[in-house]
Amino acid sequence: MSLIAVTVIGHDRPGIIADATAGLAGLGLNLEDSTMTLLRGHFAMMLICSGDRSPAEVEDALAPLTADGRLQVSARAVPDEDAVDVLGRRPYVLTVHGGDRPGIVSAVTRVLAAAGGNITDLTTRLTGDLYVAVAEVDLPADADADAVAMRLRDAGTELGVGVTLRPQETDVL
């Protein structure tokens, strides 16, 4: 069984998810992991599927999605790698809010990376002049979360935004 990463991006319309997943199911592929969203009217979907098909077969099966030129589809093999060590990591939620300006994501993610933090999910939104970011972050068990939170707040202060880091609730997926 191999893993295949599938991306579908382009202009949004009803039925993209239904059409794409029907094509994958028709190949006998199992959808193992996914994220799908709208970005200013543009659809973006990333999937990890397992099965005994090649990336070329996946792209061929999903070619009807691209017929009108409004969507792009790609499929790539996911290399076999050791599983990420999730033991010894603690989950946190990072929030950023304030006036929009360039460099916000770069600054806060640099602080997290310096502490050995791994971002597992990140969403940003701009509503008028208000910028909001929410990230799920795994920190190493030996990381000083209070010190990381302080460095994040300092980075936020320099950018004129509020930044918080709090432990993730255990019942959140």
Protein backbone atom coordinates (compact mmCIF):
# COMPACT_ATOMS: atom_id res chain seq x y z
CA MET A 1 0.00 0.00 0.00
CA SER A 2 1.42 3.39 -0.93
CA LEU A 3 0.52 6.92 0.08
CA ILE A 4 -0.33 9.61 -2.45
CA ALA A 5 -0.65 13.34 -1.77
CA VAL A 6 -3.39 14.96 -3.86
CA THR A 7 -3.92 18.70 -4.24
CA VAL A 8 -6.86 20.43 -5.88
CA ILE A 9 -6.80 24.22 -6.16
CA GLY A 10 -8.68 26.82 -8.14
CA HIS A 11 -11.93 28.74 -8.43
CA ASP A 12 -14.59 27.49 -6.06
CA ARG A 13 -17.83 25.88 -7.16
CA PRO A 14 -20.30 23.50 -5.55
CA GLY A 15 -19.42 19.80 -5.85
CA ILE A 16 -15.60 19.89 -5.98
CA ILE A 17 -15.20 17.75 -2.88
CA ALA A 18 -17.90 15.31 -4.00
CA ASP A 19 -16.35 14.97 -7.46
CA ALA A 20 -12.78 14.59 -6.23
CA THR A 21 -13.56 12.06 -3.53
CA ALA A 22 -15.77 10.06 -5.90
CA GLY A 23 -12.84 9.80 -8.30
CA LEU A 24 -10.56 8.62 -5.53
CA ALA A 25 -13.11 6.13 -4.20
CA GLY A 26 -13.56 4.84 -7.74
CA LEU A 27 -9.87 3.95 -7.73
CA GLY A 28 -10.29 2.14 -4.41
CA LEU A 29 -8.19 4.71 -2.55
CA ASN A 30 -8.74 5.38 1.14
CA LEU A 31 -8.78 9.00 2.31
CA GLU A 32 -6.49 9.06 5.37
CA ASP A 33 -5.91 12.75 6.03
CA SER A 34 -7.34 15.93 4.54
CA THR A 35 -7.69 19.65 4.78
CA MET A 36 -9.99 21.76 2.63
CA THR A 37 -10.74 25.45 2.73
CA LEU A 38 -11.77 28.55 0.84
CA LEU A 39 -9.18 31.28 0.42
CA ARG A 40 -10.84 34.46 -0.87
CA GLY A 41 -13.10 32.54 -3.23
CA HIS A 42 -10.46 30.02 -4.25
CA PHE A 43 -10.80 26.40 -3.22
CA ALA A 44 -7.78 24.57 -1.77
CA MET A 45 -7.74 20.89 -0.84
CA MET A 46 -4.90 18.62 0.22
CA LEU A 47 -5.44 14.92 0.77
CA ILE A 48 -3.34 11.92 1.73
CA CYS A 49 -4.75 8.72 0.25
CA SER A 50 -3.61 5.13 0.53
CA GLY A 51 -3.98 2.36 -1.99
CA ASP A 52 -2.36 0.50 -4.82
CA ARG A 53 -2.49 3.20 -7.49
CA SER A 54 0.11 5.44 -9.05
CA PRO A 55 0.04 9.24 -8.96
CA ALA A 56 -0.50 9.22 -12.75
CA GLU A 57 -3.61 7.05 -12.34
CA VAL A 58 -4.94 9.48 -9.72
CA GLU A 59 -4.35 12.50 -11.95
CA ASP A 60 -6.05 10.71 -14.86
CA ALA A 61 -9.07 9.84 -12.70
CA LEU A 62 -9.37 13.45 -11.53
CA ALA A 63 -8.76 15.00 -14.96
CA PRO A 64 -12.48 15.81 -15.42
CA LEU A 65 -12.10 18.33 -12.56
CA THR A 66 -9.66 20.32 -14.69
CA ALA A 67 -11.69 20.24 -17.93
CA ASP A 68 -12.91 23.85 -17.72
CA GLY A 69 -9.46 25.16 -16.74
CA ARG A 70 -10.65 26.56 -13.40
CA LEU A 71 -9.07 23.85 -11.22
CA GLN A 72 -5.62 22.30 -11.06
CA VAL A 73 -5.00 18.79 -9.75
CA SER A 74 -1.72 17.17 -8.83
CA ALA A 75 -0.82 13.84 -7.27
CA ARG A 76 2.57 12.84 -5.87
CA ALA A 77 3.89 9.78 -4.08
CA VAL A 78 4.56 10.33 -0.39
CA PRO A 79 7.95 8.82 0.50
CA ASP A 80 8.14 6.26 3.28
CA GLU A 81 9.58 7.99 6.32
CA ASP A 82 9.74 7.31 9.99
CA ALA A 83 6.62 8.40 11.83
CA VAL A 84 6.87 11.76 13.53
CA ASP A 85 7.69 11.39 17.21
CA VAL A 86 4.52 12.60 18.90
CA LEU A 87 5.46 11.09 22.24
CA GLY A 88 7.17 13.65 24.38
CA ARG A 89 5.46 16.53 22.62
CA ARG A 90 2.79 18.72 24.19
CA PRO A 91 -0.04 20.33 22.21
CA TYR A 92 -0.70 24.09 22.41
CA VAL A 93 -2.89 26.64 20.68
CA LEU A 94 -1.31 29.87 19.45
CA THR A 95 -3.51 32.87 18.69
CA VAL A 96 -2.52 36.16 17.09
CA HIS A 97 -4.80 39.16 16.64
CA GLY A 98 -4.33 42.80 15.78
CA GLY A 99 -3.67 45.18 12.95
CA ASP A 100 -2.49 43.63 9.72
CA ARG A 101 1.06 44.09 8.50
CA PRO A 102 3.70 42.02 6.70
CA GLY A 103 5.88 39.68 8.76
CA ILE A 104 3.47 38.53 11.47
CA VAL A 105 3.47 34.83 10.57
CA SER A 106 7.20 34.86 9.91
CA ALA A 107 8.02 36.36 13.32
CA VAL A 108 5.84 34.09 15.46
CA THR A 109 6.72 30.91 13.58
CA ARG A 110 10.43 31.74 13.92
CA VAL A 111 10.01 31.90 17.72
CA LEU A 112 8.23 28.53 17.69
CA ALA A 113 10.86 26.93 15.45
CA ALA A 114 13.67 28.18 17.71
CA ALA A 115 11.97 26.38 20.62
CA GLY A 116 11.65 23.15 18.63
CA GLY A 117 7.94 23.71 18.10
CA ASN A 118 6.13 22.09 15.21
CA ILE A 119 3.06 23.75 13.70
CA THR A 120 0.49 21.09 12.87
CA ASP A 121 -2.27 23.43 11.66
CA LEU A 122 -2.39 27.14 10.86
CA THR A 123 -5.30 29.32 9.78
CA THR A 124 -5.15 33.04 9.12
CA ARG A 125 -7.92 35.50 8.26
CA LEU A 126 -8.02 39.18 7.44
CA THR A 127 -11.30 40.97 8.11
CA GLY A 128 -10.98 44.62 7.27
CA ASP A 129 -7.88 45.71 9.15
CA LEU A 130 -8.13 42.95 11.80
CA TYR A 131 -5.68 40.08 11.32
CA VAL A 132 -6.30 36.80 13.15
CA ALA A 133 -4.16 33.66 13.15
CA VAL A 134 -4.80 30.42 15.02
CA ALA A 135 -2.25 27.60 15.07
CA GLU A 136 -2.03 24.20 16.65
CA VAL A 137 1.52 23.71 17.87
CA ASP A 138 3.40 20.78 19.37
CA LEU A 139 6.23 21.74 21.74
CA PRO A 140 8.90 19.33 22.94
CA ALA A 141 8.23 17.99 26.44
CA ASP A 142 11.36 19.70 27.74
CA ALA A 143 10.48 23.12 26.29
CA ASP A 144 9.76 25.88 28.77
CA ALA A 145 6.30 26.85 27.53
CA ASP A 146 6.15 29.96 29.71
CA ALA A 147 9.43 31.23 28.24
CA VAL A 148 8.21 30.47 24.71
CA ALA A 149 4.96 32.31 25.44
CA MET A 150 6.94 35.32 26.70
CA ARG A 151 9.12 35.39 23.55
CA LEU A 152 5.95 35.15 21.44
CA ARG A 153 4.36 38.06 23.33
CA ASP A 154 7.55 40.10 22.83
CA ALA A 155 7.52 39.37 19.09
CA GLY A 156 3.85 40.37 18.99
CA THR A 157 4.54 43.61 20.83
CA GLU A 158 7.19 44.53 18.24
CA LEU A 159 4.58 43.92 15.51
CA GLY A 160 1.70 45.61 17.33
CA VAL A 161 -0.37 42.42 17.70
CA GLY A 162 -1.48 40.30 20.64
CA VAL A 163 -0.05 36.78 20.84
CA THR A 164 -1.08 34.04 23.26
CA LEU A 165 0.04 30.45 23.74
CA ARG A 166 -2.07 28.11 25.84
CA PRO A 167 -2.22 24.35 26.35
CA GLN A 168 -4.62 22.64 23.97
CA GLU A 169 -7.64 21.01 25.54
CA THR A 170 -7.26 17.23 25.47
CA ASP A 171 -10.62 16.67 23.79
CA VAL A 172 -9.76 18.85 20.77
CA LEU A 173 -8.81 16.93 17.63
